[in-house]
Amino acid sequence: MARYYPPVTLSIPWKVMVLREDPDWEREKRNEIEYEFSNGRVFRANPAKRGPYSED
């Protein structure tokens, strides 16, 4: 008779899984499009550097 072995669970943080699939995610998160004009000009900014909870 075969013995039962319970499945092994892996505890991998969600951020590790995201970075494995999309290594540029962290960089793009800090370089979001702030303004985009009709002529194609784009201004980018880090949303964590502004707002009520910014460090400045």
N, C-alpha and C. Protein backbone atom coordinates (compact mmCIF):
# COMPACT_ATOMS: atom_id res chain seq x y z
N MET A 1 0.85 -1.17 0.00
CA MET A 1 0.00 0.00 0.00
C MET A 1 0.90 1.24 0.00
N ALA A 2 0.55 2.23 -0.83
CA ALA A 2 1.35 3.45 -0.96
C ALA A 2 1.08 4.37 0.22
N ARG A 3 2.13 5.05 0.64
CA ARG A 3 1.99 6.01 1.73
C ARG A 3 1.54 7.35 1.18
N TYR A 4 0.78 8.08 1.99
CA TYR A 4 0.32 9.40 1.59
C TYR A 4 1.30 10.44 2.08
N TYR A 5 1.77 11.27 1.15
CA TYR A 5 2.63 12.40 1.50
C TYR A 5 1.87 13.68 1.18
N PRO A 6 1.63 14.51 2.19
CA PRO A 6 0.90 15.75 1.91
C PRO A 6 1.68 16.66 0.96
N PRO A 7 0.99 17.45 0.18
CA PRO A 7 1.69 18.33 -0.76
C PRO A 7 2.57 19.34 -0.02
N VAL A 8 3.69 19.62 -0.63
CA VAL A 8 4.62 20.59 -0.05
C VAL A 8 4.20 21.99 -0.50
N THR A 9 4.07 22.90 0.45
CA THR A 9 3.70 24.26 0.10
C THR A 9 4.94 25.14 0.08
N LEU A 10 4.96 26.04 -0.86
CA LEU A 10 6.05 27.00 -0.96
C LEU A 10 5.51 28.37 -0.59
N SER A 11 6.28 29.06 0.20
CA SER A 11 5.88 30.40 0.60
C SER A 11 6.74 31.41 -0.16
N ILE A 12 6.21 31.90 -1.29
CA ILE A 12 6.92 32.86 -2.12
C ILE A 12 6.17 34.18 -2.05
N PRO A 13 6.83 35.27 -1.69
CA PRO A 13 6.14 36.56 -1.66
C PRO A 13 5.65 36.96 -3.05
N TRP A 14 4.55 37.71 -3.09
CA TRP A 14 3.95 38.10 -4.37
C TRP A 14 4.91 38.96 -5.17
N LYS A 15 5.71 39.79 -4.50
CA LYS A 15 6.61 40.69 -5.23
C LYS A 15 7.69 39.90 -5.97
N VAL A 16 8.14 38.82 -5.42
CA VAL A 16 9.14 37.98 -6.08
C VAL A 16 8.56 37.38 -7.35
N MET A 17 7.31 36.91 -7.27
CA MET A 17 6.67 36.33 -8.45
C MET A 17 6.46 37.38 -9.53
N VAL A 18 6.07 38.59 -9.14
CA VAL A 18 5.87 39.66 -10.11
C VAL A 18 7.19 40.03 -10.78
N LEU A 19 8.26 40.17 -9.99
CA LEU A 19 9.55 40.57 -10.54
C LEU A 19 10.16 39.49 -11.43
N ARG A 20 9.83 38.24 -11.18
CA ARG A 20 10.31 37.17 -12.07
C ARG A 20 9.68 37.29 -13.45
N GLU A 21 8.40 37.63 -13.50
CA GLU A 21 7.69 37.74 -14.77
C GLU A 21 7.93 39.08 -15.46
N ASP A 22 8.07 40.15 -14.67
CA ASP A 22 8.25 41.49 -15.22
C ASP A 22 9.35 42.21 -14.45
N PRO A 23 10.60 42.04 -14.85
CA PRO A 23 11.71 42.64 -14.11
C PRO A 23 11.70 44.17 -14.12
N ASP A 24 11.02 44.78 -15.09
CA ASP A 24 10.98 46.25 -15.17
C ASP A 24 9.85 46.85 -14.33
N TRP A 25 9.08 46.05 -13.65
CA TRP A 25 7.93 46.53 -12.90
C TRP A 25 8.34 47.57 -11.85
N GLU A 26 9.36 47.32 -11.11
CA GLU A 26 9.80 48.23 -10.04
C GLU A 26 10.22 49.58 -10.63
N ARG A 27 10.93 49.57 -11.73
CA ARG A 27 11.38 50.82 -12.35
C ARG A 27 10.20 51.59 -12.94
N GLU A 28 9.30 50.89 -13.61
CA GLU A 28 8.14 51.55 -14.21
C GLU A 28 7.19 52.10 -13.16
N LYS A 29 7.14 51.45 -12.01
CA LYS A 29 6.27 51.92 -10.94
C LYS A 29 6.71 53.30 -10.44
N ARG A 30 8.01 53.55 -10.47
CA ARG A 30 8.55 54.81 -10.00
C ARG A 30 8.72 55.83 -11.12
N ASN A 31 8.27 55.53 -12.31
CA ASN A 31 8.43 56.42 -13.45
C ASN A 31 7.13 56.48 -14.26
N GLU A 32 6.03 56.82 -13.58
CA GLU A 32 4.72 56.84 -14.22
C GLU A 32 4.54 58.10 -15.06
N ILE A 33 3.66 58.00 -16.04
CA ILE A 33 3.36 59.15 -16.88
C ILE A 33 2.50 60.13 -16.08
N GLU A 34 3.00 61.35 -15.96
CA GLU A 34 2.31 62.40 -15.22
C GLU A 34 1.41 63.21 -16.16
N TYR A 35 1.97 63.69 -17.25
CA TYR A 35 1.23 64.44 -18.27
C TYR A 35 1.61 63.90 -19.64
N GLU A 36 0.63 63.89 -20.53
CA GLU A 36 0.89 63.48 -21.91
C GLU A 36 0.13 64.42 -22.84
N PHE A 37 0.86 65.13 -23.68
CA PHE A 37 0.26 66.11 -24.56
C PHE A 37 -0.03 65.48 -25.92
N SER A 38 -0.88 66.16 -26.70
CA SER A 38 -1.30 65.64 -27.99
C SER A 38 -0.15 65.61 -29.00
N ASN A 39 0.90 66.42 -28.79
CA ASN A 39 2.03 66.41 -29.71
C ASN A 39 3.02 65.28 -29.42
N GLY A 40 2.72 64.46 -28.41
CA GLY A 40 3.56 63.32 -28.09
C GLY A 40 4.52 63.54 -26.95
N ARG A 41 4.58 64.76 -26.43
CA ARG A 41 5.49 65.04 -25.32
C ARG A 41 4.94 64.43 -24.04
N VAL A 42 5.82 63.79 -23.28
CA VAL A 42 5.40 63.07 -22.08
C VAL A 42 6.26 63.52 -20.90
N PHE A 43 5.61 63.79 -19.79
CA PHE A 43 6.31 64.10 -18.54
C PHE A 43 6.08 62.96 -17.58
N ARG A 44 7.15 62.47 -16.98
CA ARG A 44 7.06 61.35 -16.05
C ARG A 44 7.45 61.81 -14.65
N ALA A 45 6.93 61.11 -13.63
CA ALA A 45 7.23 61.46 -12.25
C ALA A 45 7.06 60.24 -11.36
N ASN A 46 7.64 60.32 -10.18
CA ASN A 46 7.50 59.28 -9.17
C ASN A 46 6.34 59.67 -8.25
N PRO A 47 5.24 58.93 -8.24
CA PRO A 47 4.09 59.31 -7.41
C PRO A 47 4.39 59.26 -5.92
N ALA A 48 5.41 58.53 -5.49
CA ALA A 48 5.75 58.47 -4.08
C ALA A 48 6.44 59.75 -3.61
N LYS A 49 6.90 60.58 -4.52
CA LYS A 49 7.60 61.81 -4.15
C LYS A 49 6.66 62.99 -4.03
N ARG A 50 5.37 62.80 -4.22
CA ARG A 50 4.41 63.88 -4.07
C ARG A 50 3.18 63.37 -3.33
N GLY A 51 2.35 64.27 -2.93
CA GLY A 51 1.14 63.89 -2.23
C GLY A 51 1.29 64.04 -0.73
N PRO A 52 0.23 63.74 0.00
CA PRO A 52 0.22 63.97 1.46
C PRO A 52 1.18 63.05 2.23
N TYR A 53 1.57 61.92 1.66
CA TYR A 53 2.43 60.99 2.38
C TYR A 53 3.86 60.97 1.85
N SER A 54 4.23 61.98 1.09
CA SER A 54 5.59 62.01 0.53
C SER A 54 6.60 62.30 1.64
N GLU A 55 7.82 61.95 1.38
CA GLU A 55 8.87 62.12 2.38
C GLU A 55 9.40 63.54 2.44
N ASP A 56 9.17 64.34 1.38
CA ASP A 56 9.66 65.72 1.38
C ASP A 56 8.83 66.60 2.28
